[in-house]
Amino acid sequence: MDTNVKFDDATQKELASFLEKQQAEARLHSTIHNFTGICWDKCVTGTPSTRFSRSEESCLSNCVDRFLDTSLFMVKRIEEQRAALEN
C-alpha cells in the first residue's frame, strides 16, 4: 500500500492552514491550562467550597488580568519586532 499521497497546491495550502489553526488552538489551550494552575495555586489557599472567598476572588481576577496584560504586551512587542525586521 502506497502511503505517499500527493495533494495539489490548493489542498496543501488548505491543510497547512488547518494545521496551523489547530496548533494555535492547542497552544492557547495549553497556555490557559498553565495560567489557570498558576493562579489557582497562588490564590486558592483553603479548601474549595461553593464560592471563593472575597480575597481569593480578587486574587484570581488580578492574576488573570496581569496574565492578559503581559500576554498582550508580549504580542505587541513581537509584532513590533517583526515589523522592524521587515523594513
C-alpha atoms as a PDB file:
ATOM      1  CA  MET A   1       0.000   0.000   0.000  1.00  0.00           C
ATOM      2  CA  ASP A   2       1.395   3.406  -1.022  1.00  0.00           C
ATOM      3  CA  THR A   3       1.395   5.868   1.923  1.00  0.00           C
ATOM      4  CA  ASN A   4       2.834   8.768  -0.115  1.00  0.00           C
ATOM      5  CA  VAL A   5      -0.330  10.658  -1.025  1.00  0.00           C
ATOM      6  CA  LYS A   6       0.133  13.680  -3.282  1.00  0.00           C
ATOM      7  CA  PHE A   7      -2.118  16.718  -2.944  1.00  0.00           C
ATOM      8  CA  ASP A   8      -2.478  19.642  -5.309  1.00  0.00           C
ATOM      9  CA  ASP A   9      -1.222  23.081  -4.220  1.00  0.00           C
ATOM     10  CA  ALA A  10      -4.649  24.329  -3.101  1.00  0.00           C
ATOM     11  CA  THR A  11      -5.205  21.245  -0.928  1.00  0.00           C
ATOM     12  CA  GLN A  12      -1.696  21.517   0.542  1.00  0.00           C
ATOM     13  CA  LYS A  13      -2.315  25.173   1.429  1.00  0.00           C
ATOM     14  CA  GLU A  14      -5.688  24.309   2.969  1.00  0.00           C
ATOM     15  CA  LEU A  15      -4.135  21.501   5.023  1.00  0.00           C
ATOM     16  CA  ALA A  16      -1.271  23.749   6.145  1.00  0.00           C
ATOM     17  CA  SER A  17      -3.743  26.452   7.167  1.00  0.00           C
ATOM     18  CA  PHE A  18      -5.866  23.915   9.062  1.00  0.00           C
ATOM     19  CA  LEU A  19      -2.807  22.511  10.826  1.00  0.00           C
ATOM     20  CA  GLU A  20      -1.594  25.998  11.768  1.00  0.00           C
ATOM     21  CA  LYS A  21      -5.013  26.852  13.244  1.00  0.00           C
ATOM     22  CA  GLN A  22      -5.113  23.593  15.196  1.00  0.00           C
ATOM     23  CA  GLN A  23      -1.612  24.178  16.569  1.00  0.00           C
ATOM     24  CA  ALA A  24      -2.521  27.737  17.597  1.00  0.00           C
ATOM     25  CA  GLU A  25      -5.632  26.436  19.339  1.00  0.00           C
ATOM     26  CA  ALA A  26      -3.581  23.777  21.143  1.00  0.00           C
ATOM     27  CA  ARG A  27      -1.081  26.429  22.286  1.00  0.00           C
ATOM     28  CA  LEU A  28      -3.936  28.603  23.536  1.00  0.00           C
ATOM     29  CA  HIS A  29      -5.470  25.715  25.489  1.00  0.00           C
ATOM     30  CA  SER A  30      -2.071  24.854  26.951  1.00  0.00           C
ATOM     31  CA  THR A  31      -1.473  28.464  27.981  1.00  0.00           C
ATOM     32  CA  ILE A  32      -4.905  28.753  29.583  1.00  0.00           C
ATOM     33  CA  HIS A  33      -4.347  25.494  31.448  1.00  0.00           C
ATOM     34  CA  ASN A  34      -0.940  26.712  32.634  1.00  0.00           C
ATOM     35  CA  PHE A  35      -2.066  30.109  33.913  1.00  0.00           C
ATOM     36  CA  THR A  36      -5.181  28.581  35.482  1.00  0.00           C
ATOM     37  CA  GLY A  37      -2.917  26.311  37.510  1.00  0.00           C
ATOM     38  CA  ILE A  38      -0.594  29.157  38.464  1.00  0.00           C
ATOM     39  CA  CYS A  39      -3.432  31.455  39.537  1.00  0.00           C
ATOM     40  CA  TRP A  40      -5.202  28.630  41.383  1.00  0.00           C
ATOM     41  CA  ASP A  41      -2.057  27.688  43.329  1.00  0.00           C
ATOM     42  CA  LYS A  42      -1.350  31.325  44.132  1.00  0.00           C
ATOM     43  CA  CYS A  43      -4.865  32.399  45.120  1.00  0.00           C
ATOM     44  CA  VAL A  44      -6.887  29.465  46.433  1.00  0.00           C
ATOM     45  CA  THR A  45      -5.476  28.872  49.878  1.00  0.00           C
ATOM     46  CA  GLY A  46      -8.315  26.966  51.529  1.00  0.00           C
ATOM     47  CA  THR A  47     -10.470  24.029  50.650  1.00  0.00           C
ATOM     48  CA  PRO A  48     -12.709  24.973  47.723  1.00  0.00           C
ATOM     49  CA  SER A  49     -16.389  25.280  48.539  1.00  0.00           C
ATOM     50  CA  THR A  50     -19.336  26.539  46.534  1.00  0.00           C
ATOM     51  CA  ARG A  51     -17.869  30.060  46.390  1.00  0.00           C
ATOM     52  CA  PHE A  52     -14.473  31.691  46.516  1.00  0.00           C
ATOM     53  CA  SER A  53     -13.714  33.997  49.412  1.00  0.00           C
ATOM     54  CA  ARG A  54     -13.502  37.706  48.569  1.00  0.00           C
ATOM     55  CA  SER A  55      -9.706  37.615  48.812  1.00  0.00           C
ATOM     56  CA  GLU A  56      -9.499  34.519  46.575  1.00  0.00           C
ATOM     57  CA  GLU A  57     -11.860  36.063  44.032  1.00  0.00           C
ATOM     58  CA  SER A  58      -9.895  39.306  43.992  1.00  0.00           C
ATOM     59  CA  CYS A  59      -6.586  37.451  43.718  1.00  0.00           C
ATOM     60  CA  LEU A  60      -7.839  35.267  40.851  1.00  0.00           C
ATOM     61  CA  SER A  61      -9.178  38.288  38.993  1.00  0.00           C
ATOM     62  CA  ASN A  62      -5.904  40.199  39.437  1.00  0.00           C
ATOM     63  CA  CYS A  63      -3.830  37.159  38.456  1.00  0.00           C
ATOM     64  CA  VAL A  64      -5.793  36.649  35.233  1.00  0.00           C
ATOM     65  CA  ASP A  65      -5.721  40.394  34.459  1.00  0.00           C
ATOM     66  CA  ARG A  66      -1.925  40.503  34.879  1.00  0.00           C
ATOM     67  CA  PHE A  67      -1.546  37.431  32.709  1.00  0.00           C
ATOM     68  CA  LEU A  68      -3.646  39.004  29.956  1.00  0.00           C
ATOM     69  CA  ASP A  69      -1.794  42.331  30.253  1.00  0.00           C
ATOM     70  CA  THR A  70       1.535  40.539  29.962  1.00  0.00           C
ATOM     71  CA  SER A  71       0.358  38.422  27.024  1.00  0.00           C
ATOM     72  CA  LEU A  72      -0.908  41.465  25.117  1.00  0.00           C
ATOM     73  CA  PHE A  73       2.330  43.340  25.832  1.00  0.00           C
ATOM     74  CA  MET A  74       4.385  40.420  24.517  1.00  0.00           C
ATOM     75  CA  VAL A  75       2.259  40.080  21.375  1.00  0.00           C
ATOM     76  CA  LYS A  76       2.662  43.793  20.651  1.00  0.00           C
ATOM     77  CA  ARG A  77       6.440  43.580  21.164  1.00  0.00           C
ATOM     78  CA  ILE A  78       6.717  40.586  18.843  1.00  0.00           C
ATOM     79  CA  GLU A  79       4.644  42.387  16.201  1.00  0.00           C
ATOM     80  CA  GLU A  80       6.869  45.476  16.543  1.00  0.00           C
ATOM     81  CA  GLN A  81      10.000  43.343  16.161  1.00  0.00           C
ATOM     82  CA  ARG A  82       8.584  41.600  13.088  1.00  0.00           C
ATOM     83  CA  ALA A  83       7.658  44.930  11.540  1.00  0.00           C
ATOM     84  CA  ALA A  84      11.164  46.272  12.239  1.00  0.00           C
ATOM     85  CA  LEU A  85      12.736  43.214  10.585  1.00  0.00           C
ATOM     86  CA  GLU A  86      10.504  43.544   7.532  1.00  0.00           C
ATOM     87  CA  ASN A  87      11.528  47.185   6.983  1.00  0.00           C
END
